[in-house]
Amino acid sequence: MLTKILTVVLLATITMASPAMSYRLQINVSNQLSRGRKITVRCESKDDDLGSRRLVSGDVYSWSFSRNIFGTTLFWCDVATARSKKHLSFNAYDESQRKKGMPKLHELTWEIKDDGLYFAGFPIPIAPWVSQ
């Protein structure tokens, strides 16, 4: 019993001592495909399956979360075009990349374009579409 109490006190102390962990981050996945093309986006983490969303051009799929105290937060997404002719996968948020110099933003926006995946504001695609 004492061990459980000490664990709870320790975790509460870490959480209060680390306000950086307490703010929420937001992820946006934006369909920027031409000609009204649709995509299906499925995002999840080890703990949360956010389900699938169907997006038409111009739609944005967003969610927010708090990082875990262990510094291992990871959300990944799979994207497929209509009729699943093409797909791509990417890490929407990876705490380990953040530690390696990824921008420390409170909001990350990913754009799905005709030639692949972009990080909003950057002119070079990060991942191309893969034909199935």
N, C-alpha and C. Protein backbone atom coordinates (compact mmCIF):
# COMPACT_ATOMS: atom_id res chain seq x y z
N MET A 1 0.83 -1.19 0.00
CA MET A 1 0.00 0.00 0.00
C MET A 1 0.88 1.26 0.00
N LEU A 2 1.90 1.27 0.84
CA LEU A 2 2.79 2.42 0.91
C LEU A 2 3.50 2.65 -0.43
N THR A 3 3.84 1.56 -1.12
CA THR A 3 4.49 1.67 -2.42
C THR A 3 3.57 2.36 -3.42
N LYS A 4 2.29 2.01 -3.41
CA LYS A 4 1.33 2.63 -4.33
C LYS A 4 1.18 4.11 -4.04
N ILE A 5 1.12 4.48 -2.78
CA ILE A 5 0.99 5.89 -2.40
C ILE A 5 2.22 6.67 -2.85
N LEU A 6 3.40 6.10 -2.61
CA LEU A 6 4.64 6.77 -3.02
C LEU A 6 4.70 6.92 -4.55
N THR A 7 4.24 5.93 -5.27
CA THR A 7 4.22 6.00 -6.72
C THR A 7 3.32 7.12 -7.20
N VAL A 8 2.13 7.22 -6.62
CA VAL A 8 1.19 8.27 -6.99
C VAL A 8 1.79 9.65 -6.68
N VAL A 9 2.39 9.80 -5.51
CA VAL A 9 3.01 11.08 -5.13
C VAL A 9 4.15 11.42 -6.09
N LEU A 10 4.95 10.44 -6.44
CA LEU A 10 6.06 10.66 -7.36
C LEU A 10 5.56 11.10 -8.74
N LEU A 11 4.55 10.41 -9.26
CA LEU A 11 4.00 10.77 -10.56
C LEU A 11 3.37 12.16 -10.54
N ALA A 12 2.68 12.50 -9.47
CA ALA A 12 2.08 13.83 -9.35
C ALA A 12 3.16 14.90 -9.31
N THR A 13 4.24 14.63 -8.60
CA THR A 13 5.35 15.58 -8.50
C THR A 13 6.00 15.79 -9.86
N ILE A 14 6.22 14.72 -10.60
CA ILE A 14 6.83 14.83 -11.92
C ILE A 14 5.93 15.64 -12.84
N THR A 15 4.64 15.37 -12.80
CA THR A 15 3.70 16.08 -13.66
C THR A 15 3.66 17.56 -13.32
N MET A 16 3.62 17.90 -12.05
CA MET A 16 3.58 19.31 -11.65
C MET A 16 4.91 20.00 -11.94
N ALA A 17 6.00 19.27 -11.83
CA ALA A 17 7.32 19.87 -12.05
C ALA A 17 7.63 20.03 -13.52
N SER A 18 6.84 19.41 -14.37
CA SER A 18 7.09 19.48 -15.79
C SER A 18 5.89 20.05 -16.54
N PRO A 19 5.71 21.38 -16.49
CA PRO A 19 4.56 21.98 -17.16
C PRO A 19 4.59 21.76 -18.67
N ALA A 20 5.76 21.49 -19.23
CA ALA A 20 5.84 21.24 -20.67
C ALA A 20 5.03 20.02 -21.07
N MET A 21 4.87 19.08 -20.17
CA MET A 21 4.10 17.88 -20.47
C MET A 21 2.60 18.14 -20.37
N SER A 22 2.19 19.20 -19.69
CA SER A 22 0.77 19.39 -19.40
C SER A 22 0.01 20.10 -20.52
N TYR A 23 0.69 20.84 -21.41
CA TYR A 23 -0.05 21.52 -22.46
C TYR A 23 -0.46 20.52 -23.54
N ARG A 24 -1.49 20.88 -24.27
CA ARG A 24 -2.01 20.00 -25.30
C ARG A 24 -1.40 20.38 -26.66
N LEU A 25 -1.14 19.35 -27.43
CA LEU A 25 -0.67 19.53 -28.80
C LEU A 25 -1.81 19.21 -29.75
N GLN A 26 -1.80 19.85 -30.91
CA GLN A 26 -2.84 19.58 -31.90
C GLN A 26 -2.19 19.12 -33.19
N ILE A 27 -2.77 18.09 -33.77
CA ILE A 27 -2.33 17.56 -35.06
C ILE A 27 -3.45 17.82 -36.07
N ASN A 28 -3.08 18.29 -37.25
CA ASN A 28 -4.02 18.51 -38.35
C ASN A 28 -3.52 17.73 -39.56
N VAL A 29 -4.43 17.01 -40.20
CA VAL A 29 -4.13 16.35 -41.46
C VAL A 29 -5.09 16.93 -42.49
N SER A 30 -4.53 17.61 -43.49
CA SER A 30 -5.33 18.37 -44.45
C SER A 30 -5.30 17.73 -45.83
N ASN A 31 -6.47 17.50 -46.40
CA ASN A 31 -6.55 16.98 -47.77
C ASN A 31 -6.40 18.15 -48.73
N GLN A 32 -5.27 18.21 -49.41
CA GLN A 32 -4.98 19.27 -50.38
C GLN A 32 -4.93 18.71 -51.81
N LEU A 33 -5.58 17.56 -52.02
CA LEU A 33 -5.59 16.96 -53.35
C LEU A 33 -6.44 17.79 -54.31
N SER A 34 -6.09 17.73 -55.58
CA SER A 34 -6.83 18.49 -56.59
C SER A 34 -8.11 17.76 -57.01
N ARG A 35 -8.96 18.49 -57.69
CA ARG A 35 -10.17 17.97 -58.32
C ARG A 35 -11.13 17.26 -57.36
N GLY A 36 -11.22 17.69 -56.11
CA GLY A 36 -12.19 17.12 -55.19
C GLY A 36 -11.93 15.68 -54.81
N ARG A 37 -10.71 15.21 -54.99
CA ARG A 37 -10.39 13.80 -54.69
C ARG A 37 -10.51 13.53 -53.20
N LYS A 38 -10.94 12.33 -52.89
CA LYS A 38 -11.16 11.91 -51.50
C LYS A 38 -10.04 11.01 -51.02
N ILE A 39 -9.80 11.08 -49.72
CA ILE A 39 -8.85 10.18 -49.07
C ILE A 39 -9.49 9.64 -47.79
N THR A 40 -8.97 8.51 -47.34
CA THR A 40 -9.33 7.96 -46.04
C THR A 40 -8.10 8.03 -45.16
N VAL A 41 -8.25 8.62 -43.99
CA VAL A 41 -7.14 8.79 -43.05
C VAL A 41 -7.47 8.01 -41.79
N ARG A 42 -6.54 7.17 -41.35
CA ARG A 42 -6.69 6.43 -40.10
C ARG A 42 -5.47 6.73 -39.25
N CYS A 43 -5.71 7.27 -38.04
CA CYS A 43 -4.60 7.62 -37.15
C CYS A 43 -4.78 6.90 -35.82
N GLU A 44 -3.65 6.58 -35.20
CA GLU A 44 -3.70 5.90 -33.91
C GLU A 44 -2.37 6.03 -33.17
N SER A 45 -2.41 5.66 -31.91
CA SER A 45 -1.22 5.55 -31.08
C SER A 45 -1.27 4.17 -30.44
N LYS A 46 -0.31 3.89 -29.59
CA LYS A 46 -0.33 2.62 -28.87
C LYS A 46 -1.59 2.51 -28.00
N ASP A 47 -2.05 3.65 -27.47
CA ASP A 47 -3.18 3.65 -26.54
C ASP A 47 -4.50 4.07 -27.15
N ASP A 48 -4.47 4.81 -28.25
CA ASP A 48 -5.70 5.38 -28.81
C ASP A 48 -5.82 5.10 -30.30
N ASP A 49 -6.91 4.45 -30.69
CA ASP A 49 -7.24 4.29 -32.10
C ASP A 49 -8.26 5.37 -32.41
N LEU A 50 -7.87 6.35 -33.20
CA LEU A 50 -8.74 7.48 -33.49
C LEU A 50 -9.74 7.18 -34.60
N GLY A 51 -9.64 6.02 -35.20
CA GLY A 51 -10.58 5.62 -36.24
C GLY A 51 -10.24 6.20 -37.59
N SER A 52 -11.09 5.89 -38.56
CA SER A 52 -10.90 6.36 -39.94
C SER A 52 -11.80 7.55 -40.21
N ARG A 53 -11.29 8.46 -41.02
CA ARG A 53 -12.06 9.63 -41.46
C ARG A 53 -11.92 9.73 -42.97
N ARG A 54 -13.01 10.04 -43.61
CA ARG A 54 -12.99 10.26 -45.06
C ARG A 54 -12.98 11.77 -45.28
N LEU A 55 -11.98 12.24 -46.03
CA LEU A 55 -11.82 13.67 -46.27
C LEU A 55 -11.91 13.98 -47.76
N VAL A 56 -12.69 14.98 -48.10
CA VAL A 56 -12.69 15.50 -49.48
C VAL A 56 -11.70 16.66 -49.51
N SER A 57 -11.32 17.08 -50.70
CA SER A 57 -10.37 18.18 -50.83
C SER A 57 -10.80 19.38 -49.98
N GLY A 58 -9.86 19.89 -49.21
CA GLY A 58 -10.14 21.04 -48.35
C GLY A 58 -10.49 20.68 -46.92
N ASP A 59 -10.87 19.41 -46.67
CA ASP A 59 -11.20 18.99 -45.31
C ASP A 59 -9.93 18.82 -44.47
N VAL A 60 -10.10 19.02 -43.17
CA VAL A 60 -9.00 18.84 -42.22
C VAL A 60 -9.47 17.93 -41.10
N TYR A 61 -8.65 16.95 -40.77
CA TYR A 61 -8.90 16.04 -39.66
C TYR A 61 -7.96 16.47 -38.54
N SER A 62 -8.51 16.83 -37.38
CA SER A 62 -7.70 17.34 -36.26
C SER A 62 -8.00 16.60 -34.98
N TRP A 63 -6.99 16.51 -34.13
CA TRP A 63 -7.17 16.01 -32.77
C TRP A 63 -6.10 16.62 -31.89
N SER A 64 -6.34 16.62 -30.59
CA SER A 64 -5.35 17.14 -29.65
C SER A 64 -5.10 16.10 -28.57
N PHE A 65 -3.96 16.24 -27.92
CA PHE A 65 -3.53 15.27 -26.91
C PHE A 65 -2.47 15.90 -26.02
N SER A 66 -2.21 15.26 -24.91
CA SER A 66 -1.10 15.64 -24.04
C SER A 66 -0.03 14.56 -24.14
N ARG A 67 1.22 14.97 -24.14
CA ARG A 67 2.33 14.03 -24.20
C ARG A 67 2.37 13.22 -22.91
N ASN A 68 2.84 11.97 -23.00
CA ASN A 68 2.95 11.17 -21.78
C ASN A 68 4.23 11.54 -21.02
N ILE A 69 4.25 11.22 -19.75
CA ILE A 69 5.37 11.63 -18.89
C ILE A 69 6.66 10.86 -19.18
N PHE A 70 6.54 9.78 -19.95
CA PHE A 70 7.71 8.97 -20.25
C PHE A 70 8.44 9.44 -21.51
N GLY A 71 7.85 10.42 -22.21
CA GLY A 71 8.49 10.95 -23.42
C GLY A 71 8.46 9.99 -24.59
N THR A 72 7.43 9.15 -24.66
CA THR A 72 7.35 8.16 -25.74
C THR A 72 6.10 8.31 -26.60
N THR A 73 5.46 9.46 -26.55
CA THR A 73 4.23 9.67 -27.30
C THR A 73 4.49 9.52 -28.80
N LEU A 74 3.65 8.73 -29.47
CA LEU A 74 3.78 8.49 -30.90
C LEU A 74 2.39 8.30 -31.49
N PHE A 75 2.05 9.09 -32.50
CA PHE A 75 0.84 8.91 -33.29
C PHE A 75 1.26 8.69 -34.73
N TRP A 76 0.68 7.71 -35.39
CA TRP A 76 0.97 7.46 -36.78
C TRP A 76 -0.33 7.42 -37.56
N CYS A 77 -0.22 7.68 -38.86
CA CYS A 77 -1.39 7.73 -39.73
C CYS A 77 -1.13 6.96 -41.02
N ASP A 78 -2.18 6.35 -41.52
CA ASP A 78 -2.18 5.72 -42.83
C ASP A 78 -3.21 6.46 -43.67
N VAL A 79 -2.85 6.77 -44.90
CA VAL A 79 -3.72 7.51 -45.80
C VAL A 79 -3.87 6.70 -47.09
N ALA A 80 -5.11 6.61 -47.58
CA ALA A 80 -5.36 5.90 -48.83
C ALA A 80 -6.28 6.75 -49.69
N THR A 81 -6.04 6.70 -51.01
CA THR A 81 -6.93 7.39 -51.94
C THR A 81 -8.19 6.56 -52.13
N ALA A 82 -9.17 7.17 -52.77
CA ALA A 82 -10.41 6.44 -53.08
C ALA A 82 -10.05 5.18 -53.87
N ARG A 83 -10.72 4.13 -53.60
CA ARG A 83 -10.49 2.82 -54.22
C ARG A 83 -9.12 2.24 -53.86
N SER A 84 -8.45 2.86 -52.88
CA SER A 84 -7.16 2.38 -52.34
C SER A 84 -6.12 2.10 -53.41
N LYS A 85 -6.07 2.95 -54.44
CA LYS A 85 -5.06 2.76 -55.48
C LYS A 85 -3.68 3.21 -55.03
N LYS A 86 -3.63 4.20 -54.11
CA LYS A 86 -2.37 4.69 -53.57
C LYS A 86 -2.51 4.85 -52.07
N HIS A 87 -1.37 4.76 -51.39
CA HIS A 87 -1.39 4.98 -49.94
C HIS A 87 -0.05 5.57 -49.49
N LEU A 88 -0.06 6.11 -48.28
CA LEU A 88 1.17 6.55 -47.63
C LEU A 88 0.96 6.45 -46.12
N SER A 89 2.07 6.30 -45.41
CA SER A 89 2.05 6.21 -43.95
C SER A 89 3.08 7.18 -43.40
N PHE A 90 2.78 7.72 -42.21
CA PHE A 90 3.72 8.66 -41.60
C PHE A 90 3.46 8.76 -40.11
N ASN A 91 4.48 9.20 -39.39
CA ASN A 91 4.35 9.50 -37.97
C ASN A 91 3.87 10.94 -37.85
N ALA A 92 2.65 11.11 -37.38
CA ALA A 92 2.08 12.45 -37.23
C ALA A 92 2.71 13.18 -36.06
N TYR A 93 3.09 12.43 -35.03
CA TYR A 93 3.82 13.01 -33.89
C TYR A 93 4.70 11.92 -33.30
N ASP A 94 5.97 12.22 -33.14
CA ASP A 94 6.92 11.27 -32.58
C ASP A 94 7.81 12.03 -31.59
N GLU A 95 7.60 11.76 -30.32
CA GLU A 95 8.35 12.45 -29.26
C GLU A 95 9.85 12.29 -29.44
N SER A 96 10.29 11.14 -29.93
CA SER A 96 11.73 10.93 -30.10
C SER A 96 12.30 11.88 -31.17
N GLN A 97 11.52 12.20 -32.20
CA GLN A 97 11.96 13.15 -33.22
C GLN A 97 11.98 14.56 -32.67
N ARG A 98 11.04 14.85 -31.81
CA ARG A 98 11.00 16.18 -31.17
C ARG A 98 12.28 16.40 -30.37
N LYS A 99 12.76 15.36 -29.72
CA LYS A 99 14.00 15.46 -28.93
C LYS A 99 15.21 15.64 -29.84
N LYS A 100 15.10 15.20 -31.11
CA LYS A 100 16.22 15.29 -32.05
C LYS A 100 16.20 16.57 -32.88
N GLY A 101 15.35 17.52 -32.51
CA GLY A 101 15.37 18.79 -33.21
C GLY A 101 14.14 19.12 -34.02
N MET A 102 13.15 18.24 -34.02
CA MET A 102 11.89 18.57 -34.71
C MET A 102 11.34 19.85 -34.07
N PRO A 103 10.71 20.71 -34.85
CA PRO A 103 10.19 21.96 -34.26
C PRO A 103 9.29 21.69 -33.05
N LYS A 104 9.47 22.48 -32.02
CA LYS A 104 8.69 22.32 -30.80
C LYS A 104 7.44 23.18 -30.88
N LEU A 105 6.57 22.82 -31.80
CA LEU A 105 5.33 23.54 -32.03
C LEU A 105 4.21 22.93 -31.22
N HIS A 106 3.19 23.72 -30.92
CA HIS A 106 2.02 23.20 -30.22
C HIS A 106 0.99 22.68 -31.21
N GLU A 107 1.20 22.99 -32.48
CA GLU A 107 0.29 22.54 -33.53
C GLU A 107 1.11 22.11 -34.75
N LEU A 108 0.86 20.90 -35.22
CA LEU A 108 1.55 20.37 -36.39
C LEU A 108 0.52 20.12 -37.48
N THR A 109 0.79 20.61 -38.68
CA THR A 109 -0.14 20.41 -39.79
C THR A 109 0.55 19.65 -40.91
N TRP A 110 -0.08 18.56 -41.31
CA TRP A 110 0.40 17.72 -42.41
C TRP A 110 -0.55 17.93 -43.58
N GLU A 111 0.01 18.11 -44.77
CA GLU A 111 -0.79 18.33 -45.97
C GLU A 111 -0.61 17.15 -46.93
N ILE A 112 -1.73 16.61 -47.35
CA ILE A 112 -1.72 15.52 -48.31
C ILE A 112 -1.99 16.13 -49.68
N LYS A 113 -0.97 16.06 -50.56
CA LYS A 113 -1.07 16.68 -51.89
C LYS A 113 -0.94 15.61 -52.97
N ASP A 114 -1.12 16.05 -54.22
CA ASP A 114 -1.09 15.12 -55.34
C ASP A 114 0.21 14.32 -55.43
N ASP A 115 1.33 14.92 -55.01
CA ASP A 115 2.61 14.22 -55.12
C ASP A 115 3.12 13.67 -53.79
N GLY A 116 2.31 13.74 -52.71
CA GLY A 116 2.72 13.13 -51.46
C GLY A 116 2.39 13.94 -50.23
N LEU A 117 3.11 13.64 -49.17
CA LEU A 117 2.91 14.24 -47.85
C LEU A 117 3.86 15.41 -47.64
N TYR A 118 3.33 16.50 -47.12
CA TYR A 118 4.13 17.69 -46.81
C TYR A 118 3.92 18.08 -45.35
N PHE A 119 4.94 18.65 -44.75
CA PHE A 119 4.79 19.33 -43.47
C PHE A 119 4.46 20.76 -43.84
N ALA A 120 3.36 21.30 -43.31
CA ALA A 120 2.85 22.61 -43.72
C ALA A 120 3.95 23.66 -43.72
N GLY A 121 4.03 24.38 -44.82
CA GLY A 121 5.00 25.46 -44.93
C GLY A 121 6.32 25.06 -45.55
N PHE A 122 6.55 23.76 -45.75
CA PHE A 122 7.80 23.30 -46.35
C PHE A 122 7.53 22.88 -47.79
N PRO A 123 8.40 23.28 -48.72
CA PRO A 123 8.13 23.06 -50.14
C PRO A 123 8.48 21.67 -50.68
N ILE A 124 9.09 20.82 -49.88
CA ILE A 124 9.55 19.52 -50.36
C ILE A 124 8.71 18.42 -49.73
N PRO A 125 8.21 17.46 -50.55
CA PRO A 125 7.41 16.38 -49.96
C PRO A 125 8.25 15.51 -49.05
N ILE A 126 7.63 15.06 -47.96
CA ILE A 126 8.31 14.20 -46.98
C ILE A 126 8.18 12.74 -47.35
N ALA A 127 7.03 12.37 -47.90
CA ALA A 127 6.79 10.99 -48.29
C ALA A 127 5.95 10.97 -49.55
N PRO A 128 6.34 10.15 -50.54
CA PRO A 128 5.57 10.06 -51.77
C PRO A 128 4.42 9.05 -51.61
N TRP A 129 3.48 9.11 -52.52
CA TRP A 129 2.44 8.10 -52.59
C TRP A 129 3.06 6.79 -53.05
N VAL A 130 2.53 5.68 -52.59
CA VAL A 130 2.95 4.34 -53.02
C VAL A 130 1.76 3.70 -53.69
N SER A 131 1.97 3.18 -54.90
CA SER A 131 0.87 2.49 -55.61
C SER A 131 0.69 1.11 -55.01
N GLN A 132 -0.57 0.68 -54.99
CA GLN A 132 -0.86 -0.65 -54.44
C GLN A 132 -1.07 -1.65 -55.52
